C-alpha cells in the first residue's frame, strides 16, 4: 500500500479528533501508529486513551513553552530548537519501518510559527518511506505543505460556544 499525506486544517473543532479517529481505525486494523503533538502539553486527554491501545505509540515530551506571542526572542529560539529536535526524533522513529501511520498533531501551526525547521519537515514529507501514511493538523498550512497533501480536509467553524465566552470543557474540547 502506498502511504499518503493527510492535512486536517481550519478554524473549526475536530482536527485532532479526526486524527485520533484515524489512528484508532488504523490500529484496529492491526497496523502500527505513531502519534505525537506539537505546541500542546503532555496532558491532552485523548493521549490517556491512545496510550492504552495496542499498536499505538504516543511520543511526547513534557515541555510547555506557552503561547508564542508571550515569548521573548530567546524563548522562541529555545522552543524552535526543542520542537525541531522533537520533529527529528519523530522522523527517526518513522523511518525505522515500525509504523504504518504517523500523526503529527499541530505540526502545521508549529511550522507556521517557525517553531520547527521548515526544510526538515518538507524534506521528510518528500522522502518518507513509500508505505508510510502521514496526518498533519493545524491551521492555514503554507503552500509548500498544502501542495504535498493527498488529502486536504478543511474544518470550518460555523458556530462555537467559545464565541459567547464559553471556556474549553474537559472531555469535550480538551
Protein backbone atom coordinates (compact mmCIF):
# COMPACT_ATOMS: atom_id res chain seq x y z
CA UNK A 1 0.00 0.00 0.00
CA UNK A 2 1.32 3.43 -0.90
CA UNK A 3 1.23 5.87 2.01
CA UNK A 4 -0.47 9.23 1.51
CA UNK A 5 -0.34 12.60 3.26
CA UNK A 6 -3.41 13.99 5.05
CA UNK A 7 -3.83 17.62 6.09
CA UNK A 8 -6.64 18.46 8.53
CA UNK A 9 -6.86 22.23 8.74
CA UNK A 10 -9.17 25.08 9.57
CA UNK A 11 -10.63 27.11 12.40
CA UNK A 12 -13.25 24.52 13.22
CA UNK A 13 -13.32 22.00 16.04
CA UNK A 14 -12.41 18.44 15.09
CA UNK A 15 -8.94 18.35 13.54
CA UNK A 16 -7.32 16.48 16.41
CA UNK A 17 -10.45 14.39 16.91
CA UNK A 18 -10.34 13.28 13.27
CA UNK A 19 -6.64 12.44 13.57
CA UNK A 20 -7.30 10.41 16.73
CA UNK A 21 -10.13 8.60 14.96
CA UNK A 22 -7.91 7.64 12.05
CA UNK A 23 -5.20 6.47 14.47
CA UNK A 24 -7.74 4.24 16.23
CA UNK A 25 -9.06 2.88 12.92
CA UNK A 26 -5.54 2.13 11.72
CA UNK A 27 -4.57 0.42 14.98
CA UNK A 28 -7.82 -1.54 14.95
CA UNK A 29 -6.88 -2.97 11.57
CA UNK A 30 -3.63 -4.31 13.03
CA UNK A 31 -1.40 -1.53 11.72
CA UNK A 32 1.08 0.38 13.86
CA UNK A 33 0.66 4.06 14.68
CA UNK A 34 3.00 6.75 15.99
CA UNK A 35 1.08 9.70 17.48
CA UNK A 36 2.71 12.95 18.56
CA UNK A 37 1.72 16.52 19.33
CA UNK A 38 3.46 19.85 18.87
CA UNK A 39 2.71 23.03 20.87
CA UNK A 40 0.44 21.15 23.29
CA UNK A 41 1.28 19.99 26.77
CA UNK A 42 1.51 16.28 27.51
CA UNK A 43 -1.86 16.42 29.29
CA UNK A 44 -4.31 16.29 26.37
CA UNK A 45 -6.98 13.84 27.46
CA UNK A 46 -7.00 11.91 24.18
CA UNK A 47 -3.44 10.82 24.95
CA UNK A 48 -4.62 8.88 28.01
CA UNK A 49 -6.75 6.60 25.86
CA UNK A 50 -4.33 6.35 22.95
CA UNK A 51 -1.63 5.11 25.33
CA UNK A 52 -3.88 2.16 26.25
CA UNK A 53 -4.44 0.98 22.67
CA UNK A 54 -2.33 -1.80 21.26
CA UNK A 55 -0.44 -0.75 18.13
CA UNK A 56 -0.40 2.97 19.08
CA UNK A 57 2.74 4.57 20.44
CA UNK A 58 2.32 8.08 21.83
CA UNK A 59 5.56 10.03 21.69
CA UNK A 60 5.54 13.31 23.59
CA UNK A 61 7.95 15.40 25.58
CA UNK A 62 6.87 17.12 28.78
CA UNK A 63 7.68 20.72 27.99
CA UNK A 64 5.30 23.61 27.57
CA UNK A 65 6.58 26.92 26.28
CA UNK A 66 3.23 28.68 26.34
CA UNK A 67 1.95 30.87 23.55
CA UNK A 68 4.48 32.25 21.09
CA UNK A 69 3.06 35.77 21.38
CA UNK A 70 4.14 35.76 25.05
CA UNK A 71 7.68 34.52 24.33
CA UNK A 72 10.84 36.56 24.17
CA UNK A 73 13.10 36.14 21.14
CA UNK A 74 15.41 33.94 23.23
CA UNK A 75 12.49 31.75 24.33
CA UNK A 76 11.36 31.41 20.71
CA UNK A 77 14.82 30.23 19.68
CA UNK A 78 14.86 27.71 22.53
CA UNK A 79 11.36 26.49 21.60
CA UNK A 80 12.30 26.15 17.93
CA UNK A 81 15.34 24.08 18.85
CA UNK A 82 13.21 21.90 21.13
CA UNK A 83 10.42 21.32 18.58
CA UNK A 84 12.86 20.78 15.70
CA UNK A 85 14.62 18.12 17.78
CA UNK A 86 11.22 16.60 18.58
CA UNK A 87 10.45 16.51 14.84
CA UNK A 88 13.83 14.87 14.14
CA UNK A 89 13.02 12.23 16.78
CA UNK A 90 9.69 11.53 15.07
CA UNK A 91 11.36 11.31 11.66
CA UNK A 92 13.92 8.88 13.02
CA UNK A 93 11.19 6.67 14.52
CA UNK A 94 9.03 6.95 11.39
CA UNK A 95 11.81 5.88 9.05
CA UNK A 96 12.73 2.77 11.07
CA UNK A 97 9.87 0.93 9.35
CA UNK A 98 7.97 0.11 12.55
CA UNK A 99 4.95 2.32 11.78
CA UNK A 100 2.27 2.46 9.12
CA UNK A 101 0.77 5.80 10.20
CA UNK A 102 2.36 8.87 11.78
CA UNK A 103 0.10 11.55 13.24
CA UNK A 104 1.71 14.94 13.88
CA UNK A 105 -0.94 16.96 15.66
CA UNK A 106 -0.44 20.76 15.45
CA UNK A 107 2.72 20.43 13.36
CA UNK A 108 1.23 22.82 10.80
CA UNK A 109 0.93 25.52 13.47
CA UNK A 110 4.49 24.80 14.65
CA UNK A 111 5.62 25.18 11.02
CA UNK A 112 3.69 28.43 10.53
CA UNK A 113 5.05 29.91 13.77
CA UNK A 114 8.60 28.94 12.77
CA UNK A 115 8.82 26.55 15.72
CA UNK A 116 10.20 23.72 13.54
CA UNK A 117 12.79 23.84 10.82
CA UNK A 118 10.87 24.09 7.53
CA UNK A 119 13.32 22.09 5.44
CA UNK A 120 13.39 19.27 7.97
CA UNK A 121 9.63 18.78 7.71
CA UNK A 122 9.26 19.23 3.96
CA UNK A 123 12.27 17.03 3.18
CA UNK A 124 10.78 14.28 5.34
CA UNK A 125 7.40 14.55 3.62
CA UNK A 126 9.05 14.29 0.20
CA UNK A 127 11.36 11.40 1.10
CA UNK A 128 9.25 9.43 3.59
CA UNK A 129 9.07 5.66 3.26
CA UNK A 130 6.75 4.74 0.39
CA UNK A 131 4.18 2.93 2.55
CA UNK A 132 4.07 5.50 5.39
CA UNK A 133 0.75 7.33 5.86
CA UNK A 134 1.09 10.78 7.48
CA UNK A 135 -1.52 13.01 9.14
CA UNK A 136 -0.78 16.65 9.99
CA UNK A 137 -3.16 19.03 11.74
CA UNK A 138 -3.24 22.78 12.23
CA UNK A 139 -4.47 25.99 10.69
CA UNK A 140 -3.63 27.71 7.41
CA UNK A 141 -0.93 25.44 6.02
CA UNK A 142 1.65 27.17 3.86
CA UNK A 143 1.52 26.34 0.14
CA UNK A 144 4.53 24.02 0.33
CA UNK A 145 2.68 21.84 2.86
CA UNK A 146 -0.70 22.04 1.11
CA UNK A 147 0.81 21.02 -2.23
CA UNK A 148 2.32 17.87 -0.72
CA UNK A 149 -1.04 16.72 0.67
CA UNK A 150 -3.03 13.93 -0.97
CA UNK A 151 -5.99 14.57 1.35
CA UNK A 152 -6.79 18.15 2.35
CA UNK A 153 -9.74 18.48 4.71
CA UNK A 154 -10.92 21.91 5.86
CA UNK A 155 -12.75 22.22 9.17
CA UNK A 156 -14.84 25.37 9.24
CA UNK A 157 -16.37 26.82 12.35
CA UNK A 158 -19.93 27.92 11.77
CA UNK A 159 -20.85 28.35 15.43
CA UNK A 160 -18.89 27.66 18.62
CA UNK A 161 -19.66 28.33 22.30
CA UNK A 162 -16.24 29.99 22.66
CA UNK A 163 -17.66 32.92 20.68
CA UNK A 164 -20.05 33.53 23.61
CA UNK A 165 -17.33 33.26 26.23
CA UNK A 166 -17.65 29.52 26.99
CA UNK A 167 -14.28 28.14 28.03
CA UNK A 168 -12.97 24.79 26.79
CA UNK A 169 -14.52 21.87 28.68
CA UNK A 170 -12.56 18.83 29.83
CA UNK A 171 -13.55 15.78 27.83
CA UNK A 172 -15.21 17.77 25.04
CA UNK A 173 -12.80 20.40 23.72
CA UNK A 174 -9.73 19.22 25.62
